[in-house]
Amino acid sequence: MISTSAVSECYQSLKTYCHQICGDVLTLLRPSRMTKLAIMASYPFCLYGYDIAVLRASGSIVADLGLSKNQMAVYAAGLSNGGYALGALVAGGAANWLCGRRYFLGCGGGLYVVGAVLVAFTDDWVASMCGRALSSFGVGMGLLVGPIFIAETAPSTTRGYHGAIPQVLMMAGAASAYVLESALLWAPSHIAWRVSLGITALPTALFVYYALFRLTAADDTPCWQFMFGKLASAERQMELCGATGTEPYTRREQLERVAGFPMFAIVNSSHVEAFPRRIPGCWAQLKERGRPHLRDMFATSALLVAQEATCEERRTLVHFVPTLLIRNGGLTSRLASSIAGLMLAVIKLLTTLASMEAASWSMAGRKELLLVSIGVAGCALGSLSGTTFADAHGRLDGGTTFALCCLELVVLEAGIAFGLGPIPWMYGPEVFPLAVRAPSLALCLTLKFAVAMLVDMTLPLLYPTSTEGVWVRFLVACGVTVVSFLVSCRVVRKTTCRVLMDEPE
């Protein structure tokens, strides 16, 4: 028999957790200065989540522009992932310039606006591909600078919470794409995809205005201000963003002890005698780093690749679930896509709320939370592989397959949301030394998007329809998560409460 006290304790725990989630939502609605800056820096992740979700409507693009299957693979996979990688590389080599981190966020948003407008209004597939490349390039710049901006600005006590905001906005972007596509399914196909790919230009233009004209140099990251000797401004920024105790002074002292960091002649606590236009030789310094830094880069790359593998399988489910609804429910293609999109949007929003609260637990140990997350995601992917294999060989009826897929999708999204989703973006900026933080993360992101481009351009050619080889894709993704789990056990370091200025251990 279950005792009354146990039931009461469970009820109180659930009530407390719900209150904490409501408090997190209110924090986003009434944000502090640090939360506002984190939301601003995370906006490129919203565009990234929106783009990878909205490009599933490839059929209407193919019909309207007259693209072949290979051209569509280049349009949706090659240009997108190639643009992300190139944008990250360019921003990684130039993020230490005097203009600051915030300018790269604004410039990336400006390129996205130009590309989105070009895609929405052109009838030529070459011009549309150029617009797609510009948009992806701009998003890639933001994907690199955004996590660095948050990690360098947020105090160590709240970095876990603010580091989850990129994942929150990425999920929100994907959910909004599913909802918008469901609303546009009954619109003419040649209009629907243009609206889907072009409507984001409006909020992005507002983001560009805010990043370039509303923020000042004093709003840039404290680490960047430290690099150029703006010590008083950097310490004030940390205090305004919530740094307490001796953390502002600890960061300054550790910066002065960083081995190999280009030092400047400090006159007093507010300025330096002279400083260059940029920190020279960041790529050259990257070559001089030893095995500990290569180990950190390998760990970050492995986590990002595992994160990308789970994203690929969620895209597979977007195509597979409507097929089940059409086959077993007698629904039309558009209605099935609408129901599947709304269902995925609800799941993403619910797991997003859970990830906001779970992010605060990461102060107890990011590595432990990450291992649990990878384990849950791997089990869900293995179960999905078994379910789809049984369905392909006629061992399960349609209703059972649909119910199991929905349950496994919820487990997969939940497992990703509280660990494998937000933590890989923050791990690199936390463990990389300041002078080579941007180029190191740029190389890791390039590997992530190179793998994504290879998978996106290869699988459609091997399995032309959405129902072929589904179980193989899930099985491969499960294998990737197993490898990632082993790598995380061996090479991922604990990063709790790091102040970001110290060298690798």
Protein backbone atom coordinates (compact mmCIF):
# COMPACT_ATOMS: atom_id res chain seq x y z
CA MET A 1 0.00 0.00 0.00
CA ILE A 2 1.15 3.52 -0.80
CA SER A 3 1.18 5.67 2.31
CA THR A 4 -0.62 8.99 2.50
CA SER A 5 2.63 10.77 3.38
CA ALA A 6 4.31 9.52 0.19
CA VAL A 7 1.41 10.74 -1.94
CA SER A 8 1.48 14.10 -0.17
CA GLU A 9 5.23 14.40 -0.69
CA CYS A 10 4.92 13.64 -4.41
CA TYR A 11 2.13 16.20 -4.72
CA GLN A 12 4.21 18.88 -2.99
CA SER A 13 7.23 18.12 -5.21
CA LEU A 14 5.10 18.38 -8.36
CA LYS A 15 3.53 21.61 -7.11
CA THR A 16 6.96 23.12 -6.37
CA TYR A 17 8.27 22.13 -9.81
CA CYS A 18 5.25 23.69 -11.55
CA HIS A 19 5.76 26.90 -9.57
CA GLN A 20 9.42 26.96 -10.64
CA ILE A 21 8.46 26.54 -14.30
CA CYS A 22 5.92 29.37 -14.00
CA GLY A 23 8.63 31.50 -12.39
CA ASP A 24 10.96 30.81 -15.32
CA VAL A 25 8.25 31.85 -17.78
CA LEU A 26 7.65 35.07 -15.82
CA THR A 27 11.40 35.71 -15.85
CA LEU A 28 11.34 35.68 -19.65
CA LEU A 29 8.27 37.94 -19.71
CA ARG A 30 9.85 40.38 -17.23
CA PRO A 31 13.53 39.91 -18.03
CA SER A 32 16.52 41.28 -16.20
CA ARG A 33 19.37 42.96 -18.06
CA MET A 34 21.25 39.67 -18.41
CA THR A 35 18.14 37.85 -19.64
CA LYS A 36 17.52 40.57 -22.24
CA LEU A 37 21.08 40.26 -23.53
CA ALA A 38 20.81 36.45 -23.57
CA ILE A 39 17.56 36.58 -25.56
CA MET A 40 19.15 39.03 -28.01
CA ALA A 41 22.23 36.83 -28.45
CA SER A 42 20.04 33.72 -28.86
CA TYR A 43 17.86 35.10 -31.65
CA PRO A 44 20.00 33.43 -34.39
CA PHE A 45 19.10 30.10 -32.77
CA CYS A 46 15.43 30.91 -33.28
CA LEU A 47 16.15 31.44 -36.99
CA TYR A 48 18.17 28.22 -37.08
CA GLY A 49 15.37 26.17 -35.53
CA TYR A 50 12.83 27.79 -37.84
CA ASP A 51 14.90 27.11 -40.96
CA ILE A 52 15.59 23.44 -40.31
CA ALA A 53 11.87 22.90 -39.65
CA VAL A 54 10.44 24.94 -42.51
CA LEU A 55 12.61 23.38 -45.22
CA ARG A 56 10.71 20.11 -44.87
CA ALA A 57 8.13 21.64 -47.25
CA SER A 58 10.46 20.91 -50.14
CA GLY A 59 7.81 19.56 -52.48
CA SER A 60 6.24 22.96 -53.18
CA ILE A 61 9.68 24.52 -53.73
CA VAL A 62 10.56 21.81 -56.24
CA ALA A 63 7.27 22.25 -58.10
CA ASP A 64 7.39 26.05 -58.16
CA LEU A 65 11.05 26.54 -59.16
CA GLY A 66 11.27 23.40 -61.31
CA LEU A 67 14.21 21.92 -59.41
CA SER A 68 15.49 18.41 -59.82
CA LYS A 69 16.05 16.11 -56.84
CA ASN A 70 19.80 16.83 -56.83
CA GLN A 71 19.22 20.59 -57.07
CA MET A 72 16.80 20.43 -54.15
CA ALA A 73 19.38 18.52 -52.09
CA VAL A 74 21.89 21.29 -52.79
CA TYR A 75 19.28 23.96 -51.99
CA ALA A 76 18.04 22.52 -48.71
CA ALA A 77 21.16 20.77 -47.40
CA GLY A 78 24.28 21.98 -49.17
CA LEU A 79 23.60 25.71 -49.13
CA SER A 80 22.12 25.73 -45.64
CA ASN A 81 24.80 23.73 -43.85
CA GLY A 82 27.60 25.12 -46.01
CA GLY A 83 26.45 28.65 -45.24
CA TYR A 84 26.29 27.90 -41.52
CA ALA A 85 29.84 26.51 -41.55
CA LEU A 86 31.29 29.36 -43.64
CA GLY A 87 29.59 32.00 -41.50
CA ALA A 88 30.98 30.41 -38.33
CA LEU A 89 34.50 30.29 -39.80
CA VAL A 90 34.43 33.94 -40.87
CA ALA A 91 33.08 35.08 -37.51
CA GLY A 92 35.58 32.86 -35.69
CA GLY A 93 38.52 34.53 -37.37
CA ALA A 94 37.20 38.06 -36.87
CA ALA A 95 35.28 37.97 -33.57
CA ASN A 96 38.24 39.50 -31.71
CA TRP A 97 38.17 42.67 -33.79
CA LEU A 98 37.70 46.01 -32.12
CA CYS A 99 34.07 46.34 -33.26
CA GLY A 100 33.01 43.71 -30.71
CA ARG A 101 30.83 40.60 -30.55
CA ARG A 102 27.53 42.48 -30.87
CA TYR A 103 28.36 43.78 -34.35
CA PHE A 104 28.68 40.26 -35.69
CA LEU A 105 25.22 39.44 -34.36
CA GLY A 106 23.79 42.49 -36.12
CA CYS A 107 25.69 41.95 -39.38
CA GLY A 108 24.64 38.30 -39.49
CA GLY A 109 21.02 39.34 -39.02
CA GLY A 110 21.36 41.88 -41.83
CA LEU A 111 22.62 39.23 -44.24
CA TYR A 112 19.70 37.01 -43.25
CA VAL A 113 17.20 39.79 -44.04
CA VAL A 114 18.68 40.32 -47.51
CA GLY A 115 18.66 36.58 -48.23
CA ALA A 116 15.11 36.04 -46.96
CA VAL A 117 13.74 38.90 -49.09
CA LEU A 118 15.58 37.56 -52.15
CA VAL A 119 14.18 34.04 -51.62
CA ALA A 120 10.64 35.31 -51.08
CA PHE A 121 10.38 37.47 -54.20
CA THR A 122 12.55 35.82 -56.85
CA ASP A 123 11.34 33.42 -59.53
CA ASP A 124 14.81 32.32 -60.61
CA TRP A 125 16.24 29.31 -58.82
CA VAL A 126 19.81 30.64 -59.07
CA ALA A 127 18.82 33.89 -57.34
CA SER A 128 16.87 31.87 -54.80
CA MET A 129 19.95 29.76 -54.06
CA CYS A 130 22.03 32.92 -53.62
CA GLY A 131 19.46 34.24 -51.15
CA ARG A 132 19.47 30.94 -49.29
CA ALA A 133 23.27 31.03 -49.07
CA LEU A 134 23.22 34.60 -47.70
CA SER A 135 20.62 33.71 -45.06
CA SER A 136 22.56 30.64 -43.94
CA PHE A 137 25.80 32.62 -43.80
CA GLY A 138 24.20 35.19 -41.51
CA VAL A 139 22.73 32.53 -39.22
CA GLY A 140 26.13 30.78 -39.04
CA MET A 141 27.74 33.97 -37.76
CA GLY A 142 25.10 34.23 -35.05
CA LEU A 143 25.40 30.56 -34.06
CA LEU A 144 29.07 31.14 -33.27
CA VAL A 145 28.89 34.53 -31.56
CA GLY A 146 25.65 33.91 -29.61
CA PRO A 147 26.95 31.21 -27.20
CA ILE A 148 30.21 33.12 -26.71
CA PHE A 149 28.29 36.31 -25.92
CA ILE A 150 26.16 34.54 -23.29
CA ALA A 151 29.03 32.58 -21.73
CA GLU A 152 31.24 35.66 -21.46
CA THR A 153 28.49 37.91 -20.08
CA ALA A 154 26.50 35.70 -17.71
CA PRO A 155 27.88 35.30 -14.18
CA SER A 156 28.99 31.80 -13.25
CA THR A 157 26.04 31.34 -10.88
CA THR A 158 23.38 31.81 -13.59
CA ARG A 159 25.22 30.65 -16.70
CA GLY A 160 23.39 27.32 -16.67
CA TYR A 161 20.00 29.04 -16.85
CA HIS A 162 20.96 31.67 -19.41
CA GLY A 163 22.87 29.09 -21.45
CA ALA A 164 19.59 27.22 -22.00
CA ILE A 165 17.91 30.22 -23.64
CA PRO A 166 19.41 29.39 -27.10
CA GLN A 167 17.81 25.94 -26.89
CA VAL A 168 14.53 27.51 -25.77
CA LEU A 169 14.44 29.87 -28.75
CA MET A 170 15.54 27.13 -31.15
CA MET A 171 12.60 25.00 -30.05
CA ALA A 172 10.29 28.01 -30.22
CA GLY A 173 11.47 28.71 -33.77
CA ALA A 174 10.85 25.12 -34.84
CA ALA A 175 7.43 25.10 -33.18
CA SER A 176 6.44 28.37 -34.88
CA ALA A 177 7.51 26.89 -38.23
CA TYR A 178 5.26 23.86 -37.71
CA VAL A 179 2.32 26.07 -36.69
CA LEU A 180 2.82 28.43 -39.64
CA GLU A 181 3.08 25.58 -42.12
CA SER A 182 -0.09 24.05 -40.71
CA ALA A 183 -1.86 27.38 -41.24
CA LEU A 184 -0.51 27.70 -44.80
CA LEU A 185 -1.31 24.17 -45.95
CA TRP A 186 -4.54 25.35 -47.59
CA ALA A 187 -2.86 28.31 -49.32
CA PRO A 188 -1.55 27.99 -52.89
CA SER A 189 1.74 26.11 -52.80
CA HIS A 190 3.65 28.76 -54.77
CA ILE A 191 2.72 31.34 -52.12
CA ALA A 192 2.99 29.19 -48.98
CA TRP A 193 6.70 28.39 -49.19
CA ARG A 194 7.60 31.99 -50.06
CA VAL A 195 5.71 33.27 -47.04
CA SER A 196 7.33 30.63 -44.83
CA LEU A 197 10.87 31.51 -45.90
CA GLY A 198 10.37 35.28 -46.16
CA ILE A 199 8.24 36.22 -43.17
CA THR A 200 11.18 36.02 -40.75
CA ALA A 201 12.77 39.05 -42.43
CA LEU A 202 10.47 41.38 -40.45
CA PRO A 203 11.45 40.38 -36.87
CA THR A 204 15.06 39.95 -37.96
CA ALA A 205 15.16 43.55 -39.19
CA LEU A 206 14.08 44.68 -35.70
CA PHE A 207 16.80 42.47 -34.20
CA VAL A 208 19.42 44.08 -36.46
CA TYR A 209 18.29 47.56 -35.41
CA TYR A 210 18.52 46.63 -31.73
CA ALA A 211 21.94 44.93 -32.01
CA LEU A 212 23.59 47.64 -34.10
CA PHE A 213 21.96 50.86 -32.90
CA ARG A 214 20.48 50.28 -29.46
CA LEU A 215 23.40 48.45 -27.87
CA THR A 216 26.62 50.31 -27.12
CA ALA A 217 30.20 49.19 -26.62
CA ALA A 218 29.49 49.09 -22.87
CA ASP A 219 26.88 46.36 -23.55
CA ASP A 220 29.43 44.05 -25.17
CA THR A 221 30.83 41.07 -23.31
CA PRO A 222 33.07 41.77 -20.30
CA CYS A 223 35.72 39.42 -21.70
CA TRP A 224 35.92 41.38 -24.96
CA GLN A 225 36.18 44.64 -23.00
CA PHE A 226 38.91 43.11 -20.86
CA MET A 227 40.87 42.18 -23.99
CA PHE A 228 41.05 45.82 -25.03
CA GLY A 229 41.70 47.26 -21.61
CA LYS A 230 38.23 48.66 -20.87
CA LEU A 231 38.46 47.36 -17.34
CA ALA A 232 36.10 49.68 -15.50
CA SER A 233 33.41 49.24 -18.17
CA ALA A 234 33.82 45.45 -18.07
CA GLU A 235 33.52 45.30 -14.29
CA ARG A 236 30.43 47.51 -14.39
CA GLN A 237 28.86 45.28 -17.06
CA MET A 238 29.42 42.20 -14.91
CA GLU A 239 27.86 43.87 -11.88
CA LEU A 240 24.83 44.99 -13.91
CA CYS A 241 24.39 41.45 -15.26
CA GLY A 242 24.33 39.91 -11.79
CA ALA A 243 27.93 39.03 -10.94
CA THR A 244 28.28 39.11 -7.18
CA GLY A 245 31.04 38.97 -4.63
CA THR A 246 34.59 38.94 -5.93
CA GLU A 247 33.86 37.49 -9.38
CA PRO A 248 34.51 40.77 -11.33
CA TYR A 249 37.89 41.15 -9.64
CA THR A 250 38.69 37.45 -9.98
CA ARG A 251 38.13 37.62 -13.72
CA ARG A 252 40.47 40.59 -14.00
CA GLU A 253 43.21 38.95 -11.94
CA GLN A 254 43.00 35.72 -13.90
CA LEU A 255 43.17 37.57 -17.21
CA GLU A 256 46.48 39.09 -16.14
CA ARG A 257 47.83 35.59 -15.41
CA VAL A 258 46.77 33.93 -18.67
CA ALA A 259 49.88 32.49 -20.28
CA GLY A 260 50.55 33.67 -23.82
CA PHE A 261 47.74 36.20 -23.85
CA PRO A 262 48.66 39.46 -25.68
CA MET A 263 49.03 41.92 -22.81
CA PHE A 264 48.68 45.69 -23.03
CA ALA A 265 50.27 48.48 -21.01
CA ILE A 266 47.62 49.19 -18.39
CA VAL A 267 47.70 52.81 -17.21
CA ASN A 268 44.85 52.62 -14.71
CA SER A 269 41.64 50.70 -14.12
CA SER A 270 39.65 52.46 -16.84
CA HIS A 271 41.74 52.45 -20.01
CA VAL A 272 45.00 51.37 -21.60
CA GLU A 273 47.69 53.46 -23.20
CA ALA A 274 47.15 51.99 -26.67
CA PHE A 275 45.57 48.91 -28.14
CA PRO A 276 45.45 47.46 -31.68
CA ARG A 277 42.47 47.22 -33.98
CA ARG A 278 42.27 43.51 -33.31
CA ILE A 279 44.02 40.72 -31.44
CA PRO A 280 46.58 39.51 -34.01
CA GLY A 281 47.24 35.90 -34.81
CA CYS A 282 44.31 34.10 -33.20
CA TRP A 283 44.56 31.29 -35.75
CA ALA A 284 48.34 31.15 -35.21
CA GLN A 285 47.82 30.93 -31.45
CA LEU A 286 45.40 28.08 -32.04
CA LYS A 287 48.20 26.04 -33.65
CA GLU A 288 50.42 26.50 -30.61
CA ARG A 289 47.95 24.99 -28.14
CA GLY A 290 48.83 21.59 -26.76
CA ARG A 291 47.01 18.34 -26.19
CA PRO A 292 44.61 19.61 -23.48
CA HIS A 293 43.13 22.10 -25.92
CA LEU A 294 42.87 19.51 -28.70
CA ARG A 295 41.08 17.24 -26.23
CA ASP A 296 38.57 19.98 -25.44
CA MET A 297 38.00 20.63 -29.15
CA PHE A 298 37.46 16.91 -29.76
CA ALA A 299 34.95 16.70 -26.90
CA THR A 300 33.05 19.78 -28.11
CA SER A 301 32.95 18.47 -31.69
CA ALA A 302 31.68 15.07 -30.54
CA LEU A 303 28.87 16.66 -28.52
CA LEU A 304 27.83 18.92 -31.41
CA VAL A 305 27.84 16.02 -33.89
CA ALA A 306 25.69 13.92 -31.53
CA GLN A 307 23.33 16.87 -31.18
CA GLU A 308 23.10 17.13 -34.97
CA ALA A 309 22.39 13.39 -35.30
CA THR A 310 19.36 13.69 -33.03
CA CYS A 311 18.17 16.70 -35.05
CA GLU A 312 18.36 14.62 -38.23
CA GLU A 313 16.15 11.93 -36.75
CA ARG A 314 13.57 14.46 -35.59
CA ARG A 315 13.38 15.64 -39.20
CA THR A 316 12.83 12.02 -40.27
CA LEU A 317 9.90 11.77 -37.86
CA VAL A 318 8.38 14.89 -39.40
CA HIS A 319 8.00 12.95 -42.65
CA PHE A 320 7.20 9.55 -41.13
CA VAL A 321 4.36 10.52 -38.76
CA PRO A 322 2.15 12.04 -41.53
CA THR A 323 2.69 8.84 -43.53
CA LEU A 324 1.29 6.81 -40.64
CA LEU A 325 -1.72 9.13 -40.38
CA ILE A 326 -2.42 8.86 -44.11
CA ARG A 327 -2.02 5.09 -44.16
CA ASN A 328 -3.99 4.26 -41.04
CA GLY A 329 -6.33 7.17 -40.46
CA GLY A 330 -7.54 7.73 -43.99
CA LEU A 331 -6.51 11.40 -43.83
CA THR A 332 -5.50 13.57 -46.73
CA SER A 333 -1.86 14.51 -47.13
CA ARG A 334 -2.39 18.14 -46.11
CA LEU A 335 -4.50 17.32 -43.07
CA ALA A 336 -2.02 14.68 -41.91
CA SER A 337 0.88 17.12 -42.26
CA SER A 338 -1.09 19.74 -40.34
CA ILE A 339 -1.86 17.36 -37.46
CA ALA A 340 1.72 16.10 -37.32
CA GLY A 341 3.11 19.64 -37.34
CA LEU A 342 0.84 20.81 -34.53
CA MET A 343 1.63 17.69 -32.50
CA LEU A 344 5.37 18.28 -32.84
CA ALA A 345 4.91 21.96 -31.94
CA VAL A 346 3.14 21.05 -28.69
CA ILE A 347 5.81 18.49 -27.79
CA LYS A 348 8.61 20.98 -28.45
CA LEU A 349 6.98 23.72 -26.38
CA LEU A 350 6.42 21.38 -23.42
CA THR A 351 9.98 20.07 -23.49
CA THR A 352 11.25 23.63 -23.84
CA LEU A 353 9.60 24.60 -20.56
CA ALA A 354 11.16 21.56 -18.93
CA SER A 355 14.61 22.47 -20.27
CA MET A 356 14.38 25.96 -18.76
CA GLU A 357 14.04 24.51 -15.27
CA ALA A 358 16.54 21.69 -15.84
CA ALA A 359 19.17 24.22 -16.90
CA SER A 360 19.43 25.49 -13.35
CA TRP A 361 20.33 21.97 -12.21
CA SER A 362 23.48 22.10 -14.35
CA MET A 363 25.25 23.97 -11.57
CA ALA A 364 25.27 20.63 -9.75
CA GLY A 365 27.21 19.07 -12.63
CA ARG A 366 26.91 19.67 -16.35
CA LYS A 367 28.74 16.45 -17.18
CA GLU A 368 26.37 14.28 -15.13
CA LEU A 369 23.31 15.96 -16.66
CA LEU A 370 24.79 15.55 -20.13
CA LEU A 371 25.44 11.83 -19.65
CA VAL A 372 21.87 11.24 -18.47
CA SER A 373 20.52 13.21 -21.43
CA ILE A 374 22.58 11.28 -23.99
CA GLY A 375 21.53 7.99 -22.40
CA VAL A 376 17.83 8.87 -22.57
CA ALA A 377 18.13 10.07 -26.18
CA GLY A 378 20.04 6.93 -27.19
CA CYS A 379 17.41 4.65 -25.64
CA ALA A 380 14.63 6.56 -27.41
CA LEU A 381 16.42 6.33 -30.77
CA GLY A 382 17.04 2.60 -30.31
CA SER A 383 13.39 2.07 -29.46
CA LEU A 384 12.32 4.09 -32.52
CA SER A 385 14.57 1.94 -34.70
CA GLY A 386 12.93 -1.22 -33.36
CA THR A 387 9.40 0.18 -33.76
CA THR A 388 9.93 1.31 -37.36
CA PHE A 389 11.68 -1.98 -38.23
CA ALA A 390 8.71 -3.95 -36.91
CA ASP A 391 6.34 -1.68 -38.83
CA ALA A 392 8.30 -2.10 -42.07
CA HIS A 393 8.08 -5.89 -41.77
CA GLY A 394 4.38 -5.94 -40.89
CA ARG A 395 4.78 -7.05 -37.28
CA LEU A 396 2.87 -4.08 -35.82
CA ASP A 397 -0.43 -2.59 -36.83
CA GLY A 398 -0.64 1.08 -37.76
CA GLY A 399 -2.29 2.30 -34.57
CA THR A 400 0.29 0.64 -32.33
CA THR A 401 3.14 2.03 -34.43
CA PHE A 402 1.71 5.55 -34.24
CA ALA A 403 1.21 5.38 -30.46
CA LEU A 404 4.70 4.01 -29.85
CA CYS A 405 6.29 6.62 -32.14
CA CYS A 406 4.50 9.44 -30.31
CA LEU A 407 5.63 8.13 -26.92
CA GLU A 408 9.21 7.63 -28.09
CA LEU A 409 9.24 11.09 -29.66
CA VAL A 410 8.23 12.66 -26.34
CA VAL A 411 11.02 10.76 -24.56
CA LEU A 412 13.53 11.77 -27.26
CA GLU A 413 12.60 15.46 -27.11
CA ALA A 414 12.67 15.45 -23.31
CA GLY A 415 16.06 13.76 -23.23
CA ILE A 416 17.53 16.28 -25.66
CA ALA A 417 15.93 19.34 -24.06
CA PHE A 418 17.53 19.15 -20.63
CA GLY A 419 21.08 18.20 -21.63
CA LEU A 420 22.17 17.37 -25.16
CA GLY A 421 20.32 20.41 -26.50
CA PRO A 422 21.71 23.34 -24.47
CA ILE A 423 24.96 22.05 -22.93
CA PRO A 424 27.07 21.46 -26.11
CA TRP A 425 26.60 25.11 -27.10
CA MET A 426 27.95 26.26 -23.72
CA TYR A 427 30.66 23.65 -23.21
CA GLY A 428 33.10 25.05 -25.78
CA PRO A 429 32.92 28.70 -24.66
CA GLU A 430 33.43 27.58 -21.07
CA VAL A 431 36.54 25.44 -21.60
CA PHE A 432 38.31 27.25 -24.46
CA PRO A 433 40.89 29.94 -23.49
CA LEU A 434 39.82 33.50 -24.16
CA ALA A 435 42.33 34.36 -26.90
CA VAL A 436 41.34 31.36 -29.08
CA ARG A 437 37.75 30.85 -27.94
CA ALA A 438 36.09 32.03 -31.17
CA PRO A 439 38.30 30.16 -33.71
CA SER A 440 38.17 26.95 -31.66
CA LEU A 441 34.38 26.96 -31.52
CA ALA A 442 34.27 27.88 -35.23
CA LEU A 443 36.19 24.73 -36.17
CA CYS A 444 33.90 22.58 -34.02
CA LEU A 445 30.79 24.08 -35.62
CA THR A 446 32.28 23.57 -39.08
CA LEU A 447 32.66 19.86 -38.38
CA LYS A 448 29.08 19.70 -37.08
CA PHE A 449 27.62 21.27 -40.22
CA ALA A 450 29.91 19.28 -42.53
CA VAL A 451 28.48 16.07 -41.06
CA ALA A 452 24.95 17.46 -41.39
CA MET A 453 25.55 18.38 -45.04
CA LEU A 454 26.92 14.92 -45.81
CA VAL A 455 23.92 13.21 -44.21
CA ASP A 456 21.31 15.55 -45.72
CA MET A 457 22.69 15.17 -49.25
CA THR A 458 23.30 11.40 -49.07
CA LEU A 459 20.22 9.92 -47.40
CA PRO A 460 17.64 11.37 -49.86
CA LEU A 461 19.56 9.73 -52.70
CA LEU A 462 19.79 6.37 -50.91
CA TYR A 463 16.18 6.45 -49.69
CA PRO A 464 14.07 8.58 -52.06
CA THR A 465 10.79 8.28 -50.12
CA SER A 466 10.13 9.22 -46.52
CA THR A 467 9.26 5.65 -45.48
CA GLU A 468 12.32 3.87 -46.86
CA GLY A 469 15.17 3.06 -44.50
CA VAL A 470 13.66 4.91 -41.54
CA TRP A 471 14.77 2.28 -39.06
CA VAL A 472 18.31 2.42 -40.49
CA ARG A 473 18.49 6.17 -39.85
CA PHE A 474 17.34 5.74 -36.27
CA LEU A 475 19.83 2.92 -35.74
CA VAL A 476 22.72 5.03 -37.07
CA ALA A 477 21.69 7.94 -34.84
CA CYS A 478 21.54 5.58 -31.87
CA GLY A 479 25.08 4.43 -32.66
CA VAL A 480 26.26 8.04 -32.79
CA THR A 481 24.77 8.73 -29.36
CA VAL A 482 26.47 5.62 -27.94
CA VAL A 483 29.84 6.83 -29.24
CA SER A 484 29.09 10.29 -27.87
CA PHE A 485 28.29 8.79 -24.46
CA LEU A 486 31.64 6.99 -24.38
CA VAL A 487 33.48 10.13 -25.48
CA SER A 488 31.69 12.18 -22.84
CA CYS A 489 32.71 9.73 -20.13
CA ARG A 490 36.36 9.94 -21.15
CA VAL A 491 37.14 13.47 -22.35
CA VAL A 492 34.36 15.86 -21.28
CA ARG A 493 35.50 17.92 -18.30
CA LYS A 494 33.40 19.37 -15.51
CA THR A 495 32.82 23.07 -16.08
CA THR A 496 30.76 24.05 -13.03
CA CYS A 497 31.16 27.72 -11.99
CA ARG A 498 34.14 28.42 -14.24
CA VAL A 499 34.86 32.13 -14.61
CA LEU A 500 36.07 31.64 -18.22
CA MET A 501 39.48 33.26 -17.83
CA ASP A 502 41.63 30.35 -16.66
CA GLU A 503 43.63 28.08 -18.92
CA PRO A 504 42.66 24.39 -19.46
CA GLU A 505 43.68 22.14 -16.60
